[in-house]
């Protein structure tokens, strides 16, 4: 009886070791392994930020389109998994990432020092270029001689990356700070300002809605760090490296995707 009891205890102990070993193996799986084991990459992004991400109604269903969606498809393909997109407000992005509701954020997010405290970022995949938009009737004044705007009224979105850029580039201009992107075109159409500054992709959308406006030749790189993919702070190197490989091979493609999306965003 004692011998059978000892054998039984040894069997239980052996099974326990096997189970613990399996558990440790699962716990020690890399970030890449975990996503590949699930077979699905769950990505968070802003509800609407055209042309980078925007909603399109097709057959009664809302579909997410835009340049960031194309990048997500490339990342999922590289990882060998399907993808699922969860849209949310800007304030909900990092909490969703930190709580594990999403595996990463692909939504034109800039890797600021504050954001880096709670997330691991990939290399930058896009840094937008800004322009100045004027009325077509003023083309002869400003199109080729942008310095003529230095003592005029220029509109920007309040607290945008364009604001400090215009303040520095046109120190004598009168800056009009507006709350929304759509207010820029409205102010220019109503002759309240002589020009407005915004990134080229957004300007492309606004010009489709306002054919009486035109972009000048002036271009200026965004003062932000650019857009990068955000991942949980504890993300292992293998996943970060895979994402960076996708970014490296698609950086030129992404610029084209942005412009293509800007031409396809519904304007009705």
C-alpha atoms as a PDB file:
ATOM      1  CA  UNK A   1       0.000   0.000   0.000  1.00  0.00           C
ATOM      2  CA  UNK A   2       2.786   2.393   0.936  1.00  0.00           C
ATOM      3  CA  UNK A   3       4.605   1.582  -2.309  1.00  0.00           C
ATOM      4  CA  UNK A   4       1.491   2.336  -4.388  1.00  0.00           C
ATOM      5  CA  UNK A   5       1.022   5.632  -2.517  1.00  0.00           C
ATOM      6  CA  UNK A   6       4.625   6.680  -3.230  1.00  0.00           C
ATOM      7  CA  UNK A   7       4.202   5.831  -6.932  1.00  0.00           C
ATOM      8  CA  UNK A   8       0.983   7.835  -7.082  1.00  0.00           C
ATOM      9  CA  UNK A   9       2.636  10.858  -5.445  1.00  0.00           C
ATOM     10  CA  UNK A  10       5.546  10.686  -7.876  1.00  0.00           C
ATOM     11  CA  UNK A  11       3.107  10.626 -10.797  1.00  0.00           C
ATOM     12  CA  UNK A  12       1.251  13.679  -9.455  1.00  0.00           C
ATOM     13  CA  UNK A  13       4.546  15.508  -8.931  1.00  0.00           C
ATOM     14  CA  UNK A  14       5.668  14.721 -12.499  1.00  0.00           C
ATOM     15  CA  UNK A  15       2.382  15.976 -13.972  1.00  0.00           C
ATOM     16  CA  UNK A  16       2.671  19.159 -11.910  1.00  0.00           C
ATOM     17  CA  UNK A  17       6.133  19.827 -13.294  1.00  0.00           C
ATOM     18  CA  UNK A  18       4.869  19.303 -16.847  1.00  0.00           C
ATOM     19  CA  UNK A  19       1.949  21.697 -16.321  1.00  0.00           C
ATOM     20  CA  UNK A  20       4.160  24.336 -14.706  1.00  0.00           C
ATOM     21  CA  UNK A  21       6.610  24.018 -17.587  1.00  0.00           C
ATOM     22  CA  UNK A  22       3.812  24.526 -20.118  1.00  0.00           C
ATOM     23  CA  UNK A  23       2.538  27.523 -18.173  1.00  0.00           C
ATOM     24  CA  UNK A  24       5.968  29.107 -18.069  1.00  0.00           C
ATOM     25  CA  UNK A  25       6.390  28.534 -21.772  1.00  0.00           C
ATOM     26  CA  UNK A  26       3.122  30.376 -22.431  1.00  0.00           C
ATOM     27  CA  UNK A  27       4.012  33.212 -20.062  1.00  0.00           C
ATOM     28  CA  UNK A  28       7.434  33.595 -21.639  1.00  0.00           C
ATOM     29  CA  UNK A  29       6.077  33.770 -25.188  1.00  0.00           C
ATOM     30  CA  UNK A  30       7.254  36.873 -27.021  1.00  0.00           C
ATOM     31  CA  UNK A  31       4.882  39.628 -28.137  1.00  0.00           C
ATOM     32  CA  UNK A  32       5.155  38.326 -31.698  1.00  0.00           C
ATOM     33  CA  UNK A  33       4.412  34.736 -30.622  1.00  0.00           C
ATOM     34  CA  UNK A  34       1.331  35.814 -28.679  1.00  0.00           C
ATOM     35  CA  UNK A  35      -0.183  37.622 -31.670  1.00  0.00           C
ATOM     36  CA  UNK A  36       0.658  34.783 -34.037  1.00  0.00           C
ATOM     37  CA  UNK A  37      -0.829  32.255 -31.614  1.00  0.00           C
ATOM     38  CA  UNK A  38      -4.065  34.282 -31.524  1.00  0.00           C
ATOM     39  CA  UNK A  39      -4.040  34.589 -35.293  1.00  0.00           C
ATOM     40  CA  UNK A  40      -5.467  38.125 -35.100  1.00  0.00           C
ATOM     41  CA  UNK A  41      -3.813  41.528 -34.753  1.00  0.00           C
ATOM     42  CA  UNK A  42      -6.125  43.943 -32.899  1.00  0.00           C
ATOM     43  CA  UNK A  43      -5.369  47.570 -33.765  1.00  0.00           C
ATOM     44  CA  UNK A  44      -6.706  50.783 -32.237  1.00  0.00           C
ATOM     45  CA  UNK A  45      -7.201  53.998 -34.189  1.00  0.00           C
ATOM     46  CA  UNK A  46      -9.043  57.331 -34.037  1.00  0.00           C
ATOM     47  CA  UNK A  47     -12.685  57.327 -35.169  1.00  0.00           C
ATOM     48  CA  UNK A  48     -12.056  59.804 -37.975  1.00  0.00           C
ATOM     49  CA  UNK A  49      -8.884  61.517 -39.116  1.00  0.00           C
ATOM     50  CA  UNK A  50      -9.036  61.747 -42.923  1.00  0.00           C
ATOM     51  CA  UNK A  51      -7.170  60.914 -45.065  1.00  0.00           C
ATOM     52  CA  UNK A  52      -5.312  58.717 -42.561  1.00  0.00           C
ATOM     53  CA  UNK A  53      -8.465  56.985 -41.304  1.00  0.00           C
ATOM     54  CA  UNK A  54     -12.115  57.621 -42.091  1.00  0.00           C
ATOM     55  CA  UNK A  55     -15.449  55.806 -42.164  1.00  0.00           C
ATOM     56  CA  UNK A  56     -17.233  54.802 -45.382  1.00  0.00           C
ATOM     57  CA  UNK A  57     -20.784  53.474 -45.480  1.00  0.00           C
ATOM     58  CA  UNK A  58     -21.060  50.493 -47.817  1.00  0.00           C
ATOM     59  CA  UNK A  59     -24.190  48.354 -48.062  1.00  0.00           C
ATOM     60  CA  UNK A  60     -25.374  49.701 -44.716  1.00  0.00           C
ATOM     61  CA  UNK A  61     -22.114  48.840 -42.959  1.00  0.00           C
ATOM     62  CA  UNK A  62     -19.392  51.195 -41.751  1.00  0.00           C
ATOM     63  CA  UNK A  63     -15.949  50.357 -43.132  1.00  0.00           C
ATOM     64  CA  UNK A  64     -12.688  51.997 -42.073  1.00  0.00           C
ATOM     65  CA  UNK A  65     -10.525  53.274 -44.928  1.00  0.00           C
ATOM     66  CA  UNK A  66      -7.397  55.404 -45.229  1.00  0.00           C
ATOM     67  CA  UNK A  67      -3.621  55.239 -45.437  1.00  0.00           C
ATOM     68  CA  UNK A  68      -3.246  53.871 -41.888  1.00  0.00           C
ATOM     69  CA  UNK A  69      -5.573  50.973 -42.766  1.00  0.00           C
ATOM     70  CA  UNK A  70      -3.302  50.082 -45.685  1.00  0.00           C
ATOM     71  CA  UNK A  71      -0.313  50.081 -43.330  1.00  0.00           C
ATOM     72  CA  UNK A  72      -2.199  47.792 -40.915  1.00  0.00           C
ATOM     73  CA  UNK A  73      -2.833  45.331 -43.744  1.00  0.00           C
ATOM     74  CA  UNK A  74       0.882  45.250 -44.522  1.00  0.00           C
ATOM     75  CA  UNK A  75       1.812  44.672 -40.863  1.00  0.00           C
ATOM     76  CA  UNK A  76      -0.770  41.878 -40.458  1.00  0.00           C
ATOM     77  CA  UNK A  77       0.488  40.225 -43.642  1.00  0.00           C
ATOM     78  CA  UNK A  78       4.080  40.389 -42.377  1.00  0.00           C
ATOM     79  CA  UNK A  79       3.020  38.741 -39.108  1.00  0.00           C
ATOM     80  CA  UNK A  80       0.977  36.126 -40.952  1.00  0.00           C
ATOM     81  CA  UNK A  81      -2.295  36.965 -39.158  1.00  0.00           C
ATOM     82  CA  UNK A  82      -5.671  38.568 -39.789  1.00  0.00           C
ATOM     83  CA  UNK A  83      -6.426  42.032 -38.406  1.00  0.00           C
ATOM     84  CA  UNK A  84      -9.262  43.682 -36.497  1.00  0.00           C
ATOM     85  CA  UNK A  85      -9.680  47.441 -36.073  1.00  0.00           C
ATOM     86  CA  UNK A  86     -11.182  49.123 -33.008  1.00  0.00           C
ATOM     87  CA  UNK A  87     -11.990  52.816 -33.450  1.00  0.00           C
ATOM     88  CA  UNK A  88     -12.137  55.193 -30.487  1.00  0.00           C
ATOM     89  CA  UNK A  89     -11.605  58.780 -29.380  1.00  0.00           C
ATOM     90  CA  UNK A  90      -8.051  60.122 -29.147  1.00  0.00           C
ATOM     91  CA  UNK A  91      -8.170  60.118 -25.324  1.00  0.00           C
ATOM     92  CA  UNK A  92      -9.004  56.408 -25.296  1.00  0.00           C
ATOM     93  CA  UNK A  93      -6.088  55.218 -27.422  1.00  0.00           C
ATOM     94  CA  UNK A  94      -3.278  54.831 -24.866  1.00  0.00           C
ATOM     95  CA  UNK A  95      -5.552  53.450 -22.107  1.00  0.00           C
ATOM     96  CA  UNK A  96      -6.793  50.798 -24.559  1.00  0.00           C
ATOM     97  CA  UNK A  97      -3.200  49.877 -25.405  1.00  0.00           C
ATOM     98  CA  UNK A  98      -2.076  49.761 -21.780  1.00  0.00           C
ATOM     99  CA  UNK A  99      -5.049  47.640 -20.694  1.00  0.00           C
ATOM    100  CA  UNK A 100      -4.467  45.069 -23.445  1.00  0.00           C
ATOM    101  CA  UNK A 101      -7.662  45.817 -25.384  1.00  0.00           C
ATOM    102  CA  UNK A 102      -5.546  46.361 -28.510  1.00  0.00           C
ATOM    103  CA  UNK A 103      -2.136  45.029 -29.581  1.00  0.00           C
ATOM    104  CA  UNK A 104      -0.963  48.278 -31.140  1.00  0.00           C
ATOM    105  CA  UNK A 105      -2.062  51.733 -32.300  1.00  0.00           C
ATOM    106  CA  UNK A 106      -1.754  52.729 -35.952  1.00  0.00           C
ATOM    107  CA  UNK A 107      -3.344  56.162 -36.138  1.00  0.00           C
ATOM    108  CA  UNK A 108      -0.863  58.898 -37.109  1.00  0.00           C
ATOM    109  CA  UNK A 109       0.316  59.088 -33.502  1.00  0.00           C
ATOM    110  CA  UNK A 110       3.419  61.163 -32.784  1.00  0.00           C
ATOM    111  CA  UNK A 111       5.971  59.595 -30.362  1.00  0.00           C
ATOM    112  CA  UNK A 112       6.142  62.486 -27.913  1.00  0.00           C
ATOM    113  CA  UNK A 113       8.278  62.158 -24.742  1.00  0.00           C
ATOM    114  CA  UNK A 114       5.083  61.967 -22.652  1.00  0.00           C
ATOM    115  CA  UNK A 115       3.608  59.157 -24.763  1.00  0.00           C
ATOM    116  CA  UNK A 116       6.893  57.248 -24.687  1.00  0.00           C
ATOM    117  CA  UNK A 117       6.506  56.882 -20.923  1.00  0.00           C
ATOM    118  CA  UNK A 118       3.588  54.516 -21.469  1.00  0.00           C
ATOM    119  CA  UNK A 119       4.284  52.935 -24.851  1.00  0.00           C
ATOM    120  CA  UNK A 120       6.983  51.566 -27.149  1.00  0.00           C
ATOM    121  CA  UNK A 121       7.104  53.227 -30.565  1.00  0.00           C
ATOM    122  CA  UNK A 122       8.255  52.032 -33.947  1.00  0.00           C
ATOM    123  CA  UNK A 123      10.301  54.141 -36.310  1.00  0.00           C
ATOM    124  CA  UNK A 124       8.429  57.094 -37.835  1.00  0.00           C
ATOM    125  CA  UNK A 125       6.495  56.080 -40.945  1.00  0.00           C
ATOM    126  CA  UNK A 126       5.217  59.502 -42.049  1.00  0.00           C
ATOM    127  CA  UNK A 127       5.984  63.147 -41.444  1.00  0.00           C
ATOM    128  CA  UNK A 128       3.585  65.470 -43.183  1.00  0.00           C
ATOM    129  CA  UNK A 129       4.433  68.519 -45.271  1.00  0.00           C
ATOM    130  CA  UNK A 130       2.472  71.746 -44.820  1.00  0.00           C
ATOM    131  CA  UNK A 131       1.335  74.319 -47.343  1.00  0.00           C
ATOM    132  CA  UNK A 132      -0.457  77.652 -47.586  1.00  0.00           C
ATOM    133  CA  UNK A 133      -3.869  77.838 -49.272  1.00  0.00           C
ATOM    134  CA  UNK A 134      -5.169  81.014 -50.943  1.00  0.00           C
ATOM    135  CA  UNK A 135      -8.137  82.082 -53.066  1.00  0.00           C
ATOM    136  CA  UNK A 136      -7.684  81.454 -56.807  1.00  0.00           C
ATOM    137  CA  UNK A 137      -8.445  85.108 -57.437  1.00  0.00           C
ATOM    138  CA  UNK A 138      -5.309  85.998 -55.429  1.00  0.00           C
ATOM    139  CA  UNK A 139      -3.018  83.648 -57.358  1.00  0.00           C
ATOM    140  CA  UNK A 140      -1.210  86.493 -59.125  1.00  0.00           C
ATOM    141  CA  UNK A 141      -0.402  88.097 -55.749  1.00  0.00           C
ATOM    142  CA  UNK A 142       0.816  85.224 -53.641  1.00  0.00           C
ATOM    143  CA  UNK A 143       1.346  82.041 -55.683  1.00  0.00           C
ATOM    144  CA  UNK A 144       4.901  82.826 -56.786  1.00  0.00           C
ATOM    145  CA  UNK A 145       5.707  85.500 -54.203  1.00  0.00           C
ATOM    146  CA  UNK A 146       4.732  83.992 -50.859  1.00  0.00           C
ATOM    147  CA  UNK A 147       6.607  86.704 -48.929  1.00  0.00           C
ATOM    148  CA  UNK A 148       3.738  89.038 -49.765  1.00  0.00           C
ATOM    149  CA  UNK A 149       1.742  87.213 -47.074  1.00  0.00           C
ATOM    150  CA  UNK A 150       4.123  88.271 -44.302  1.00  0.00           C
ATOM    151  CA  UNK A 151       1.991  91.260 -43.321  1.00  0.00           C
ATOM    152  CA  UNK A 152      -1.375  89.639 -44.089  1.00  0.00           C
ATOM    153  CA  UNK A 153      -3.865  87.523 -42.110  1.00  0.00           C
ATOM    154  CA  UNK A 154      -3.089  83.809 -41.977  1.00  0.00           C
ATOM    155  CA  UNK A 155      -5.365  81.246 -40.312  1.00  0.00           C
ATOM    156  CA  UNK A 156      -4.288  78.072 -38.483  1.00  0.00           C
ATOM    157  CA  UNK A 157      -6.000  75.569 -36.214  1.00  0.00           C
ATOM    158  CA  UNK A 158      -5.369  76.614 -32.618  1.00  0.00           C
ATOM    159  CA  UNK A 159      -2.519  74.671 -30.926  1.00  0.00           C
ATOM    160  CA  UNK A 160      -1.764  72.825 -34.179  1.00  0.00           C
ATOM    161  CA  UNK A 161       1.758  72.042 -35.414  1.00  0.00           C
ATOM    162  CA  UNK A 162       1.197  74.729 -38.071  1.00  0.00           C
ATOM    163  CA  UNK A 163       0.820  77.506 -35.484  1.00  0.00           C
ATOM    164  CA  UNK A 164       4.471  77.816 -34.317  1.00  0.00           C
ATOM    165  CA  UNK A 165       5.651  77.132 -37.860  1.00  0.00           C
ATOM    166  CA  UNK A 166       3.696  80.103 -39.301  1.00  0.00           C
ATOM    167  CA  UNK A 167       4.679  82.336 -36.360  1.00  0.00           C
ATOM    168  CA  UNK A 168       8.330  81.664 -37.165  1.00  0.00           C
ATOM    169  CA  UNK A 169       8.104  81.762 -40.976  1.00  0.00           C
ATOM    170  CA  UNK A 170       5.832  84.832 -41.158  1.00  0.00           C
ATOM    171  CA  UNK A 171       6.640  86.881 -38.013  1.00  0.00           C
ATOM    172  CA  UNK A 172       4.817  89.993 -39.246  1.00  0.00           C
ATOM    173  CA  UNK A 173       1.593  88.214 -40.208  1.00  0.00           C
ATOM    174  CA  UNK A 174      -1.581  88.500 -38.160  1.00  0.00           C
ATOM    175  CA  UNK A 175      -2.416  85.000 -36.955  1.00  0.00           C
ATOM    176  CA  UNK A 176      -6.067  83.923 -36.788  1.00  0.00           C
ATOM    177  CA  UNK A 177      -6.487  80.827 -34.575  1.00  0.00           C
ATOM    178  CA  UNK A 178      -9.554  78.709 -35.343  1.00  0.00           C
ATOM    179  CA  UNK A 179     -10.971  75.669 -33.586  1.00  0.00           C
ATOM    180  CA  UNK A 180     -11.615  73.322 -36.544  1.00  0.00           C
ATOM    181  CA  UNK A 181     -10.037  72.449 -39.885  1.00  0.00           C
ATOM    182  CA  UNK A 182     -13.294  73.194 -41.732  1.00  0.00           C
ATOM    183  CA  UNK A 183     -13.262  76.716 -40.249  1.00  0.00           C
ATOM    184  CA  UNK A 184     -10.079  77.464 -42.207  1.00  0.00           C
ATOM    185  CA  UNK A 185     -11.742  77.267 -45.623  1.00  0.00           C
ATOM    186  CA  UNK A 186     -14.796  79.121 -44.319  1.00  0.00           C
ATOM    187  CA  UNK A 187     -12.675  82.035 -43.088  1.00  0.00           C
ATOM    188  CA  UNK A 188     -10.767  82.230 -46.384  1.00  0.00           C
ATOM    189  CA  UNK A 189     -13.962  82.061 -48.462  1.00  0.00           C
ATOM    190  CA  UNK A 190     -15.495  84.858 -46.395  1.00  0.00           C
ATOM    191  CA  UNK A 191     -12.406  87.084 -46.863  1.00  0.00           C
ATOM    192  CA  UNK A 192     -11.682  87.100 -43.119  1.00  0.00           C
ATOM    193  CA  UNK A 193      -8.129  85.896 -43.799  1.00  0.00           C
ATOM    194  CA  UNK A 194      -5.772  85.994 -46.799  1.00  0.00           C
ATOM    195  CA  UNK A 195      -4.507  82.421 -46.461  1.00  0.00           C
ATOM    196  CA  UNK A 196      -4.485  79.409 -44.166  1.00  0.00           C
ATOM    197  CA  UNK A 197      -1.889  76.751 -43.387  1.00  0.00           C
ATOM    198  CA  UNK A 198      -2.555  73.022 -43.103  1.00  0.00           C
ATOM    199  CA  UNK A 199      -0.855  69.761 -44.133  1.00  0.00           C
ATOM    200  CA  UNK A 200      -0.941  68.925 -47.848  1.00  0.00           C
ATOM    201  CA  UNK A 201      -3.219  65.833 -47.578  1.00  0.00           C
ATOM    202  CA  UNK A 202      -5.860  67.772 -45.621  1.00  0.00           C
ATOM    203  CA  UNK A 203      -5.520  70.700 -48.027  1.00  0.00           C
ATOM    204  CA  UNK A 204      -6.208  68.286 -50.888  1.00  0.00           C
ATOM    205  CA  UNK A 205      -9.517  67.315 -49.269  1.00  0.00           C
ATOM    206  CA  UNK A 206     -10.480  70.940 -48.563  1.00  0.00           C
ATOM    207  CA  UNK A 207      -9.736  71.947 -52.169  1.00  0.00           C
ATOM    208  CA  UNK A 208     -12.058  69.230 -53.434  1.00  0.00           C
ATOM    209  CA  UNK A 209     -14.777  70.802 -51.301  1.00  0.00           C
ATOM    210  CA  UNK A 210     -13.764  74.366 -52.230  1.00  0.00           C
ATOM    211  CA  UNK A 211     -12.728  74.527 -55.927  1.00  0.00           C
ATOM    212  CA  UNK A 212     -12.266  78.293 -55.666  1.00  0.00           C
ATOM    213  CA  UNK A 213      -9.198  77.762 -53.453  1.00  0.00           C
ATOM    214  CA  UNK A 214      -5.678  76.756 -54.467  1.00  0.00           C
ATOM    215  CA  UNK A 215      -2.464  75.583 -52.786  1.00  0.00           C
ATOM    216  CA  UNK A 216       0.595  77.809 -53.170  1.00  0.00           C
ATOM    217  CA  UNK A 217       4.061  76.473 -54.024  1.00  0.00           C
ATOM    218  CA  UNK A 218       5.140  76.992 -50.391  1.00  0.00           C
ATOM    219  CA  UNK A 219       5.977  73.779 -48.520  1.00  0.00           C
ATOM    220  CA  UNK A 220       7.271  73.288 -44.983  1.00  0.00           C
ATOM    221  CA  UNK A 221       7.984  70.101 -43.055  1.00  0.00           C
ATOM    222  CA  UNK A 222       5.819  69.392 -40.025  1.00  0.00           C
ATOM    223  CA  UNK A 223       7.408  70.450 -36.735  1.00  0.00           C
ATOM    224  CA  UNK A 224       6.145  67.298 -34.998  1.00  0.00           C
ATOM    225  CA  UNK A 225       8.192  64.104 -34.738  1.00  0.00           C
ATOM    226  CA  UNK A 226       5.916  62.419 -37.277  1.00  0.00           C
ATOM    227  CA  UNK A 227       3.642  59.374 -37.073  1.00  0.00           C
ATOM    228  CA  UNK A 228       4.734  56.041 -35.575  1.00  0.00           C
ATOM    229  CA  UNK A 229       3.143  52.758 -34.481  1.00  0.00           C
ATOM    230  CA  UNK A 230       2.574  52.536 -30.716  1.00  0.00           C
ATOM    231  CA  UNK A 231       2.901  49.204 -28.888  1.00  0.00           C
ATOM    232  CA  UNK A 232       2.712  48.252 -25.192  1.00  0.00           C
ATOM    233  CA  UNK A 233       5.712  49.308 -23.120  1.00  0.00           C
ATOM    234  CA  UNK A 234       6.665  45.660 -22.505  1.00  0.00           C
ATOM    235  CA  UNK A 235       6.667  44.719 -26.207  1.00  0.00           C
ATOM    236  CA  UNK A 236       9.504  42.362 -27.112  1.00  0.00           C
ATOM    237  CA  UNK A 237      12.079  43.248 -29.752  1.00  0.00           C
ATOM    238  CA  UNK A 238      10.906  40.656 -32.281  1.00  0.00           C
ATOM    239  CA  UNK A 239       7.545  42.407 -32.794  1.00  0.00           C
ATOM    240  CA  UNK A 240       9.091  45.896 -32.885  1.00  0.00           C
ATOM    241  CA  UNK A 241      11.608  44.688 -35.485  1.00  0.00           C
ATOM    242  CA  UNK A 242       8.873  43.174 -37.676  1.00  0.00           C
ATOM    243  CA  UNK A 243       6.872  46.411 -37.596  1.00  0.00           C
ATOM    244  CA  UNK A 244       9.982  48.445 -38.420  1.00  0.00           C
ATOM    245  CA  UNK A 245      10.704  46.155 -41.386  1.00  0.00           C
ATOM    246  CA  UNK A 246       7.231  46.902 -42.764  1.00  0.00           C
ATOM    247  CA  UNK A 247       7.724  50.641 -42.249  1.00  0.00           C
ATOM    248  CA  UNK A 248      11.133  50.612 -43.942  1.00  0.00           C
ATOM    249  CA  UNK A 249       9.813  48.845 -47.039  1.00  0.00           C
ATOM    250  CA  UNK A 250       6.634  50.965 -47.293  1.00  0.00           C
ATOM    251  CA  UNK A 251       7.694  54.512 -46.418  1.00  0.00           C
ATOM    252  CA  UNK A 252       7.477  55.717 -50.025  1.00  0.00           C
ATOM    253  CA  UNK A 253       4.264  53.746 -50.530  1.00  0.00           C
ATOM    254  CA  UNK A 254       2.705  55.410 -47.493  1.00  0.00           C
ATOM    255  CA  UNK A 255       3.143  58.887 -48.960  1.00  0.00           C
ATOM    256  CA  UNK A 256       1.277  57.696 -52.053  1.00  0.00           C
ATOM    257  CA  UNK A 257      -1.442  56.075 -49.928  1.00  0.00           C
ATOM    258  CA  UNK A 258      -2.028  59.380 -48.132  1.00  0.00           C
ATOM    259  CA  UNK A 259      -2.515  61.286 -51.371  1.00  0.00           C
ATOM    260  CA  UNK A 260      -4.694  58.539 -52.863  1.00  0.00           C
ATOM    261  CA  UNK A 261      -6.881  58.524 -49.737  1.00  0.00           C
ATOM    262  CA  UNK A 262      -7.124  62.335 -49.804  1.00  0.00           C
ATOM    263  CA  UNK A 263      -8.600  62.080 -53.296  1.00  0.00           C
ATOM    264  CA  UNK A 264     -11.027  59.335 -52.229  1.00  0.00           C
ATOM    265  CA  UNK A 265     -12.394  60.724 -48.938  1.00  0.00           C
ATOM    266  CA  UNK A 266     -16.153  61.353 -49.332  1.00  0.00           C
ATOM    267  CA  UNK A 267     -16.830  65.097 -49.347  1.00  0.00           C
ATOM    268  CA  UNK A 268     -20.654  65.024 -49.281  1.00  0.00           C
END
